[in-house]
Amino acid sequence: MKTNLDALLTALYVHLDDHVLPSARQPRKRGPKRLLTDAELVCVAVAQALLRCDDERRWLRSAPTRIGHLFPRLPGQSEYNRHLRDAGPALLAAGMWLARQVPTWEEPLRLMDGTPVRCGASRVTVNRSALGEIAGYGMDKSHHAFYWGAKLMLVTTAEGAVCAFSLAHPKELDERKQALHLLHAHRCAPGRCPIVCDKGFAGAGIEAAAADLGHVLVRPARADEPADPRFPGWLRQRIEAVIWTLKNQLGLERHAARTTEGLWARVCQRICALNAAIWHNWLIGAPVKRSLIAYDH
């Protein structure tokens, strides 16, 4: 099988339709019959993210040429946008199923970090946007700047497959509380699972709470602590590379969402696309598991 987008979409659709999102179990909704099943919609959304088409109108103009031979029935822009906003549960189920299929899911090692997802840059957006229930003002310490948006927390495997994630209001949940909520929901390999994170997760409270859940937080030393030469700084940088892939290559910074449902669906879309690429690279034996070069053209 060649390492290209057609091969990935074909394999992804077969597995989703057989094991994750079978068409026979989808409830019939009111209104006109949908052109795409959930499995087809997930594949089209993954293709959009991998081909870096952030504008949905532009994507649906180019989609018949690029993937029309695989999905001859493509909806219009309004229908696609509406169904994509409602496809958050399907994209989440597909992304988490893909994460469990990679071999590193069974390894007792995880990476964890948080990053802001900016949703607006003007006061008019803050006052009139439908994102107010999840977006707020926060501080991006990495760039020493304030932002208006949501906080995304990620737990990934060593090669970058996202195992768990959450979106939260930056004022209602600080980084440590959001991390604990996420660790409560995440179940990794049996036994004690070390989680490599940054020094923002330092503190006796969060370390004890994580230990109660079976996790050991591995982090760099703070300024008032002696440095530990055994800390894997090179491994800590991997989660930063995963975040860069999501934001720049897969367009998370350019999500253009205007509602809470739309933001959640677009975050799930990017994470599902990343997990799909890593899963397919494992299938074909690609040397770099997080590489998207074979699928972005």
Protein backbone atom coordinates (compact mmCIF):
# COMPACT_ATOMS: atom_id res chain seq x y z
CA MET A 1 0.00 0.00 0.00
CA LYS A 2 1.37 3.42 -0.95
CA THR A 3 1.85 6.13 1.60
CA ASN A 4 -0.66 8.61 0.21
CA LEU A 5 -3.94 10.15 1.19
CA ASP A 6 -6.09 7.78 -0.87
CA ALA A 7 -4.66 4.74 0.90
CA LEU A 8 -5.18 6.33 4.32
CA LEU A 9 -8.80 7.31 3.61
CA THR A 10 -9.64 3.89 2.19
CA ALA A 11 -8.21 2.05 5.20
CA LEU A 12 -9.77 4.52 7.62
CA TYR A 13 -13.24 4.25 6.10
CA VAL A 14 -13.19 0.44 6.11
CA HIS A 15 -12.21 0.26 9.78
CA LEU A 16 -14.60 2.99 10.90
CA ASP A 17 -17.55 1.54 9.01
CA ASP A 18 -16.86 -1.98 10.30
CA HIS A 19 -15.81 -1.37 13.90
CA VAL A 20 -16.46 2.20 15.11
CA LEU A 21 -19.30 3.93 13.25
CA PRO A 22 -21.36 1.27 11.48
CA SER A 23 -24.08 2.78 9.28
CA ALA A 24 -26.77 0.36 10.46
CA ARG A 25 -26.61 1.71 14.03
CA GLN A 26 -26.94 5.39 13.15
CA PRO A 27 -30.38 6.76 14.17
CA ARG A 28 -32.49 8.37 11.47
CA LYS A 29 -32.90 12.10 12.05
CA ARG A 30 -35.61 14.42 10.85
CA GLY A 31 -35.19 16.39 7.65
CA PRO A 32 -33.66 15.46 4.29
CA LYS A 33 -31.53 12.35 4.17
CA ARG A 34 -27.85 13.09 4.70
CA LEU A 35 -25.51 12.54 1.77
CA LEU A 36 -22.71 11.22 3.98
CA THR A 37 -22.75 8.65 6.75
CA ASP A 38 -20.79 9.36 9.93
CA ALA A 39 -17.86 7.24 8.72
CA GLU A 40 -17.77 9.10 5.39
CA LEU A 41 -18.06 12.49 7.09
CA VAL A 42 -15.13 11.66 9.41
CA CYS A 43 -12.99 10.66 6.41
CA VAL A 44 -13.86 13.85 4.50
CA ALA A 45 -13.10 15.95 7.59
CA VAL A 46 -9.75 14.16 8.07
CA ALA A 47 -8.87 14.79 4.42
CA GLN A 48 -9.69 18.48 4.84
CA ALA A 49 -7.34 18.80 7.81
CA LEU A 50 -4.51 16.82 6.22
CA LEU A 51 -4.73 18.87 2.99
CA ARG A 52 -4.62 22.09 5.04
CA CYS A 53 -7.88 23.51 3.67
CA ASP A 54 -9.07 25.63 6.58
CA ASP A 55 -11.76 27.44 4.56
CA GLU A 56 -14.71 25.06 4.12
CA ARG A 57 -15.97 26.82 0.99
CA ARG A 58 -12.59 26.43 -0.66
CA TRP A 59 -12.35 22.84 0.54
CA LEU A 60 -15.68 21.84 -1.01
CA ARG A 61 -14.67 23.47 -4.31
CA SER A 62 -11.48 21.41 -4.44
CA ALA A 63 -12.76 18.22 -2.78
CA PRO A 64 -14.42 16.73 -5.93
CA THR A 65 -11.07 16.92 -7.72
CA ARG A 66 -9.01 15.56 -4.84
CA ILE A 67 -11.25 12.94 -3.20
CA GLY A 68 -14.25 12.81 -5.55
CA HIS A 69 -13.22 9.38 -6.82
CA LEU A 70 -13.50 8.08 -3.25
CA PHE A 71 -16.57 10.04 -2.14
CA PRO A 72 -18.66 10.97 -5.19
CA ARG A 73 -21.51 12.34 -3.03
CA LEU A 74 -20.32 15.53 -1.36
CA PRO A 75 -22.67 18.00 0.37
CA GLY A 76 -22.80 21.74 -0.12
CA GLN A 77 -21.00 24.15 2.17
CA SER A 78 -24.00 24.88 4.41
CA GLU A 79 -24.87 21.21 4.91
CA TYR A 80 -21.24 20.23 5.46
CA ASN A 81 -20.75 22.98 8.04
CA ARG A 82 -23.92 22.01 9.89
CA HIS A 83 -23.10 18.31 9.94
CA LEU A 84 -19.49 18.94 10.93
CA ARG A 85 -20.66 20.93 13.98
CA ASP A 86 -22.79 17.94 15.01
CA ALA A 87 -20.04 15.40 14.28
CA GLY A 88 -18.02 16.03 17.46
CA PRO A 89 -19.02 12.69 19.08
CA ALA A 90 -18.22 10.74 15.90
CA LEU A 91 -14.85 12.46 15.44
CA LEU A 92 -14.03 11.89 19.13
CA ALA A 93 -14.94 8.19 18.93
CA ALA A 94 -12.87 7.75 15.77
CA GLY A 95 -9.85 9.60 17.17
CA MET A 96 -9.78 7.65 20.42
CA TRP A 97 -10.26 4.33 18.61
CA LEU A 98 -7.28 5.17 16.37
CA ALA A 99 -5.15 6.03 19.43
CA ARG A 100 -5.90 2.62 20.97
CA GLN A 101 -4.77 0.84 17.80
CA VAL A 102 -1.18 2.11 17.81
CA PRO A 103 1.34 -0.16 19.58
CA THR A 104 2.56 2.58 21.94
CA TRP A 105 -0.89 2.71 23.59
CA GLU A 106 0.25 -0.24 25.75
CA GLU A 107 3.49 1.44 26.79
CA PRO A 108 3.44 2.83 30.37
CA LEU A 109 4.54 6.32 29.32
CA ARG A 110 2.55 9.45 28.49
CA LEU A 111 3.31 13.08 27.70
CA MET A 112 1.08 15.91 28.94
CA ASP A 113 0.89 19.62 28.28
CA GLY A 114 -1.60 22.44 27.76
CA THR A 115 -1.84 25.13 25.11
CA PRO A 116 -4.19 28.05 24.45
CA VAL A 117 -6.63 27.91 21.54
CA ARG A 118 -7.28 31.50 20.52
CA CYS A 119 -10.83 32.27 19.44
CA GLY A 120 -10.84 36.03 18.84
CA ALA A 121 -8.74 39.17 18.81
CA SER A 122 -11.28 41.99 19.04
CA ARG A 123 -13.65 43.31 21.69
CA VAL A 124 -16.58 42.88 19.30
CA THR A 125 -15.84 39.15 19.06
CA VAL A 126 -15.69 38.87 22.84
CA ASN A 127 -19.04 40.60 23.26
CA ARG A 128 -20.96 38.97 20.40
CA SER A 129 -19.40 35.54 19.91
CA ALA A 130 -21.30 32.38 20.88
CA LEU A 131 -18.09 31.02 22.42
CA GLY A 132 -18.52 32.84 25.72
CA GLU A 133 -19.37 29.71 27.72
CA ILE A 134 -15.98 28.11 27.01
CA ALA A 135 -13.74 31.03 25.99
CA GLY A 136 -12.26 33.67 28.27
CA TYR A 137 -9.16 35.73 28.92
CA GLY A 138 -6.04 33.80 29.85
CA MET A 139 -2.27 34.16 29.97
CA ASP A 140 -0.06 32.39 27.44
CA LYS A 141 3.12 32.10 29.49
CA SER A 142 5.12 30.61 26.60
CA HIS A 143 4.64 33.78 24.53
CA HIS A 144 4.17 36.22 27.44
CA ALA A 145 0.85 37.42 26.06
CA PHE A 146 -2.80 37.48 27.01
CA TYR A 147 -5.36 35.81 24.77
CA TRP A 148 -9.11 35.26 24.53
CA GLY A 149 -10.00 31.64 23.93
CA ALA A 150 -10.00 28.20 25.53
CA LYS A 151 -7.31 26.04 27.11
CA LEU A 152 -6.56 22.71 25.42
CA MET A 153 -4.98 19.97 27.55
CA LEU A 154 -3.41 16.96 25.83
CA VAL A 155 -2.20 13.53 26.93
CA THR A 156 -0.26 11.73 24.20
CA THR A 157 1.83 8.63 23.61
CA ALA A 158 5.57 8.87 23.03
CA GLU A 159 5.24 9.30 19.25
CA GLY A 160 2.39 11.80 19.47
CA ALA A 161 -0.94 9.96 19.24
CA VAL A 162 -3.45 11.90 21.35
CA CYS A 163 -4.91 9.59 24.02
CA ALA A 164 -7.06 12.14 25.86
CA PHE A 165 -7.77 15.85 25.63
CA SER A 166 -10.08 18.48 27.06
CA LEU A 167 -11.14 22.07 26.43
CA ALA A 168 -11.79 24.37 29.35
CA HIS A 169 -12.38 28.00 30.19
CA PRO A 170 -8.96 29.42 31.22
CA LYS A 171 -10.45 31.27 34.21
CA GLU A 172 -12.81 28.60 35.54
CA LEU A 173 -10.23 25.78 35.53
CA ASP A 174 -6.54 26.43 36.00
CA GLU A 175 -3.98 24.18 34.36
CA ARG A 176 -3.55 21.83 37.32
CA LYS A 177 -7.26 21.28 37.92
CA GLN A 178 -7.85 20.69 34.22
CA ALA A 179 -5.01 18.17 34.16
CA LEU A 180 -6.51 16.27 37.12
CA HIS A 181 -9.94 16.19 35.46
CA LEU A 182 -8.30 14.78 32.33
CA LEU A 183 -6.30 12.16 34.25
CA HIS A 184 -9.50 10.98 35.95
CA ALA A 185 -10.99 10.27 32.52
CA HIS A 186 -7.85 8.75 30.97
CA ARG A 187 -7.05 5.07 31.36
CA CYS A 188 -3.63 3.98 30.10
CA ALA A 189 -1.58 0.80 30.38
CA PRO A 190 -1.83 -1.24 33.61
CA GLY A 191 0.51 -0.33 36.45
CA ARG A 192 2.13 2.95 37.40
CA CYS A 193 2.29 5.23 34.39
CA PRO A 194 4.87 8.05 34.38
CA ILE A 195 3.65 11.23 32.70
CA VAL A 196 6.28 13.64 31.41
CA CYS A 197 5.12 17.25 31.83
CA ASP A 198 6.53 20.72 32.49
CA LYS A 199 7.24 22.42 35.79
CA GLY A 200 3.89 24.19 35.71
CA PHE A 201 2.44 20.98 37.17
CA ALA A 202 4.70 21.12 40.23
CA GLY A 203 3.10 20.91 43.65
CA ALA A 204 2.51 18.38 46.40
CA GLY A 205 -1.25 18.45 45.88
CA ILE A 206 -1.34 17.59 42.20
CA GLU A 207 1.46 15.04 42.56
CA ALA A 208 -0.38 13.25 45.37
CA ALA A 209 -3.67 13.33 43.43
CA ALA A 210 -1.95 11.94 40.34
CA ALA A 211 -0.30 9.21 42.43
CA ASP A 212 -3.72 8.17 43.73
CA LEU A 213 -4.76 7.66 40.10
CA GLY A 214 -1.67 5.54 39.38
CA HIS A 215 0.39 8.23 37.63
CA VAL A 216 3.85 9.56 38.41
CA LEU A 217 4.49 13.11 37.23
CA VAL A 218 7.99 13.51 35.78
CA ARG A 219 8.91 17.17 35.35
CA PRO A 220 11.94 19.48 35.28
CA ALA A 221 13.06 21.06 38.53
CA ARG A 222 11.86 24.50 39.52
CA ALA A 223 14.25 27.34 40.29
CA ASP A 224 14.10 26.57 44.03
CA GLU A 225 14.81 22.85 43.56
CA PRO A 226 18.05 21.02 42.75
CA ALA A 227 18.28 20.07 39.10
CA ASP A 228 17.79 16.40 38.26
CA PRO A 229 20.21 15.37 35.47
CA ARG A 230 18.07 12.29 34.77
CA PHE A 231 15.10 14.36 33.50
CA PRO A 232 14.51 13.52 29.80
CA GLY A 233 14.49 17.02 28.34
CA TRP A 234 14.47 15.66 24.78
CA LEU A 235 11.29 13.71 25.57
CA ARG A 236 9.66 16.79 27.06
CA GLN A 237 10.08 18.57 23.71
CA ARG A 238 8.02 15.95 21.88
CA ILE A 239 4.73 17.22 23.27
CA GLU A 240 5.72 20.70 22.07
CA ALA A 241 6.27 19.24 18.60
CA VAL A 242 2.84 17.56 18.73
CA ILE A 243 1.21 20.89 19.62
CA TRP A 244 3.10 22.58 16.78
CA THR A 245 1.82 19.93 14.36
CA LEU A 246 -1.77 20.47 15.49
CA LYS A 247 -1.60 24.25 15.36
CA ASN A 248 0.46 24.85 12.24
CA GLN A 249 0.29 21.82 9.95
CA LEU A 250 -3.29 20.82 10.80
CA GLY A 251 -4.61 24.37 11.21
CA LEU A 252 -5.85 24.38 14.80
CA GLU A 253 -4.82 28.03 15.09
CA ARG A 254 -7.07 28.75 12.08
CA HIS A 255 -10.17 26.86 13.24
CA ALA A 256 -12.56 29.79 12.49
CA ALA A 257 -15.16 28.41 14.92
CA ARG A 258 -17.95 30.71 16.08
CA THR A 259 -19.82 28.43 18.48
CA THR A 260 -18.85 26.07 21.29
CA GLU A 261 -20.04 23.05 19.29
CA GLY A 262 -18.07 24.20 16.26
CA LEU A 263 -14.89 24.70 18.28
CA TRP A 264 -15.17 21.25 19.88
CA ALA A 265 -15.83 19.60 16.50
CA ARG A 266 -12.85 21.31 14.87
CA VAL A 267 -10.50 20.37 17.70
CA CYS A 268 -11.72 16.76 17.41
CA GLN A 269 -11.24 16.98 13.63
CA ARG A 270 -7.56 17.98 13.93
CA ILE A 271 -6.83 15.39 16.61
CA CYS A 272 -8.57 12.66 14.62
CA ALA A 273 -6.49 13.60 11.54
CA LEU A 274 -3.25 13.42 13.54
CA ASN A 275 -4.15 10.04 15.05
CA ALA A 276 -5.20 8.72 11.64
CA ALA A 277 -1.85 9.66 10.11
CA ILE A 278 0.10 8.05 12.98
CA TRP A 279 -2.08 4.92 12.84
CA HIS A 280 -1.59 4.56 9.08
CA ASN A 281 2.16 5.16 9.36
CA TRP A 282 2.30 2.26 11.84
CA LEU A 283 0.34 0.07 9.40
CA ILE A 284 2.72 0.68 6.50
CA GLY A 285 5.90 0.74 8.60
CA ALA A 286 6.84 4.36 7.93
CA PRO A 287 10.05 5.36 9.74
CA VAL A 288 8.62 8.63 11.17
CA LYS A 289 5.23 7.96 12.72
CA ARG A 290 4.08 11.59 13.05
CA SER A 291 5.07 12.60 9.52
CA LEU A 292 2.24 14.15 7.44
CA ILE A 293 4.26 14.77 4.27
CA ALA A 294 2.75 11.84 2.37
CA TYR A 295 -0.80 13.04 3.00
CA ASP A 296 -0.75 16.82 2.51
CA HIS A 297 -0.83 16.94 -1.30
